[in-house]
Amino acid sequence: MNNINEFEAILLVDDDPVINMLNSKFLRRTGFLHKVWKFESGVEAFNYLAQIVEQQKELTNKNPVLVLLDLNMPVYSGWDFLQNFEKLEANIKKHFRIVVLSSSCDPRDIDRANLDKNVHGYIIKPFSIQSIDAIEKFFTYS
């Protein structure tokens, strides 16, 4: 993937609705043409993954969905999301690409996320043009 528009859709998972709204508007203004789904709860986003797969049974011809995941959320954190994502069947996981988008610059969080085989990259908030460039590089060289 060389361009963020190659993703079928983007799931924004952040407990702050203002951050989700700003990130969504930012994606639109930078030219992202596809669906952007916003979730303020990790568990809602996780449950929606199954719905996406169910609704698009012919995912073999679809591009993957990008998940921009915050780590620090109440009740069901990004870490919980990643732990449960790992339990999904491989044929489901292959349709999603996860990038952590977190305010945490703690090296322990960054290392832990980068060691997760389902995480393709780590971006420290705020979301920016450089973030989009980084996302595109995560997938160009992987």
Protein backbone atom coordinates (compact mmCIF):
# COMPACT_ATOMS: atom_id res chain seq x y z
CA MET A 1 0.00 0.00 0.00
CA ASN A 2 1.40 3.33 -1.00
CA ASN A 3 -1.57 5.57 -0.28
CA ILE A 4 -3.97 5.84 2.65
CA ASN A 5 -6.86 5.81 0.15
CA GLU A 6 -6.09 2.18 -0.58
CA PHE A 7 -7.80 1.24 2.69
CA GLU A 8 -11.44 0.24 2.41
CA ALA A 9 -12.30 2.32 5.49
CA ILE A 10 -10.81 3.68 8.70
CA LEU A 11 -11.97 2.93 12.24
CA LEU A 12 -11.09 5.69 14.69
CA VAL A 13 -11.09 4.25 18.21
CA ASP A 14 -10.65 6.92 20.88
CA ASP A 15 -12.70 7.65 24.00
CA ASP A 16 -12.56 11.39 23.28
CA PRO A 17 -15.33 12.32 20.81
CA VAL A 18 -13.61 15.61 19.99
CA ILE A 19 -10.41 13.79 18.98
CA ASN A 20 -12.46 11.42 16.80
CA MET A 21 -14.26 14.32 15.14
CA LEU A 22 -11.01 16.25 14.52
CA ASN A 23 -9.24 13.16 13.15
CA SER A 24 -12.20 12.40 10.89
CA LYS A 25 -12.26 15.96 9.54
CA PHE A 26 -8.49 15.90 9.10
CA LEU A 27 -8.70 12.67 7.08
CA ARG A 28 -11.39 14.19 4.85
CA ARG A 29 -9.42 17.39 4.29
CA THR A 30 -6.32 15.44 3.35
CA GLY A 31 -8.31 13.56 0.72
CA PHE A 32 -9.38 10.26 2.31
CA LEU A 33 -12.34 9.24 0.17
CA HIS A 34 -13.78 6.21 1.96
CA LYS A 35 -15.79 5.54 5.12
CA VAL A 36 -14.55 6.71 8.49
CA TRP A 37 -16.19 5.04 11.48
CA LYS A 38 -15.77 6.64 14.91
CA PHE A 39 -15.93 4.71 18.18
CA GLU A 40 -15.57 6.06 21.71
CA SER A 41 -15.36 2.58 23.19
CA GLY A 42 -12.88 -0.15 22.43
CA VAL A 43 -15.52 -2.83 22.99
CA GLU A 44 -17.93 -1.18 20.52
CA ALA A 45 -15.18 -1.02 17.91
CA PHE A 46 -14.18 -4.61 18.52
CA ASN A 47 -17.76 -5.82 18.21
CA TYR A 48 -18.09 -3.86 14.99
CA LEU A 49 -15.22 -5.80 13.42
CA ALA A 50 -17.42 -8.89 13.33
CA GLN A 51 -20.22 -6.89 11.71
CA ILE A 52 -17.88 -5.61 9.01
CA VAL A 53 -16.83 -9.15 8.17
CA GLU A 54 -20.44 -10.36 8.21
CA GLN A 55 -21.65 -7.52 5.98
CA GLN A 56 -18.84 -7.96 3.51
CA LYS A 57 -18.71 -11.71 3.11
CA GLU A 58 -16.72 -11.29 -0.08
CA LEU A 59 -13.81 -9.53 1.61
CA THR A 60 -11.41 -11.34 -0.68
CA ASN A 61 -11.80 -8.52 -3.22
CA LYS A 62 -11.78 -5.73 -0.65
CA ASN A 63 -8.85 -3.73 0.64
CA PRO A 64 -8.12 -3.93 4.35
CA VAL A 65 -9.66 -1.65 6.97
CA LEU A 66 -7.28 0.59 8.94
CA VAL A 67 -7.84 0.76 12.71
CA LEU A 68 -6.37 3.82 14.45
CA LEU A 69 -6.40 2.69 18.06
CA ASP A 70 -5.95 4.73 21.23
CA LEU A 71 -4.42 2.77 24.11
CA ASN A 72 -5.67 4.65 27.15
CA MET A 73 -9.44 4.29 27.30
CA PRO A 74 -11.62 3.51 30.32
CA VAL A 75 -13.28 0.10 30.81
CA TYR A 76 -11.91 -1.54 27.62
CA SER A 77 -8.50 -0.16 26.68
CA GLY A 78 -6.57 -0.43 23.47
CA TRP A 79 -4.57 -3.18 25.18
CA ASP A 80 -7.83 -5.11 25.74
CA PHE A 81 -8.72 -4.58 22.09
CA LEU A 82 -5.35 -5.96 20.98
CA GLN A 83 -5.59 -8.93 23.33
CA ASN A 84 -9.00 -9.91 21.97
CA PHE A 85 -8.04 -9.17 18.38
CA GLU A 86 -5.26 -11.75 18.70
CA LYS A 87 -7.91 -14.40 19.50
CA LEU A 88 -9.74 -13.85 16.20
CA GLU A 89 -9.33 -16.27 13.34
CA ALA A 90 -6.55 -15.46 10.89
CA ASN A 91 -9.00 -15.15 7.99
CA ILE A 92 -10.70 -12.27 9.87
CA LYS A 93 -7.52 -10.58 11.14
CA LYS A 94 -6.03 -10.37 7.65
CA HIS A 95 -8.70 -7.79 6.69
CA PHE A 96 -7.56 -5.25 9.29
CA ARG A 97 -4.41 -3.22 9.85
CA ILE A 98 -3.92 -1.69 13.29
CA VAL A 99 -1.89 1.44 13.97
CA VAL A 100 -1.74 2.75 17.53
CA LEU A 101 -2.54 6.47 17.77
CA SER A 102 -1.86 7.39 21.38
CA SER A 103 -0.87 10.34 23.51
CA SER A 104 1.52 8.05 25.41
CA CYS A 105 5.16 8.68 24.65
CA ASP A 106 6.21 6.19 27.35
CA PRO A 107 8.86 3.92 25.80
CA ARG A 108 7.29 0.93 27.56
CA ASP A 109 3.98 1.51 25.76
CA ILE A 110 5.71 2.06 22.43
CA ASP A 111 7.84 -1.09 22.82
CA ARG A 112 4.89 -3.19 23.99
CA ALA A 113 2.73 -2.05 21.07
CA ASN A 114 5.50 -2.55 18.54
CA LEU A 115 6.08 -6.09 19.83
CA ASP A 116 2.45 -6.97 19.11
CA LYS A 117 2.40 -8.77 15.76
CA ASN A 118 -0.98 -7.22 14.91
CA VAL A 119 0.28 -3.65 15.32
CA HIS A 120 1.81 -2.15 12.20
CA GLY A 121 3.01 1.09 13.74
CA TYR A 122 2.82 3.59 16.58
CA ILE A 123 2.00 7.28 16.19
CA ILE A 124 2.02 9.80 19.01
CA LYS A 125 -0.90 12.26 18.97
CA PRO A 126 -1.81 14.69 17.60
CA PHE A 127 -2.66 13.30 14.18
CA SER A 128 -0.94 15.23 11.39
CA ILE A 129 0.24 15.13 7.79
CA GLN A 130 3.39 13.44 9.10
CA SER A 131 1.15 10.79 10.69
CA ILE A 132 -0.41 9.99 7.32
CA ASP A 133 3.05 9.82 5.76
CA ALA A 134 4.13 7.45 8.56
CA ILE A 135 1.08 5.21 8.05
CA GLU A 136 1.79 4.99 4.33
CA LYS A 137 5.43 4.09 5.09
CA PHE A 138 4.36 1.42 7.62
CA PHE A 139 2.59 -0.40 4.81
CA THR A 140 4.88 0.42 1.91
CA TYR A 141 7.81 -1.38 3.52
CA SER A 142 5.98 -4.17 5.34
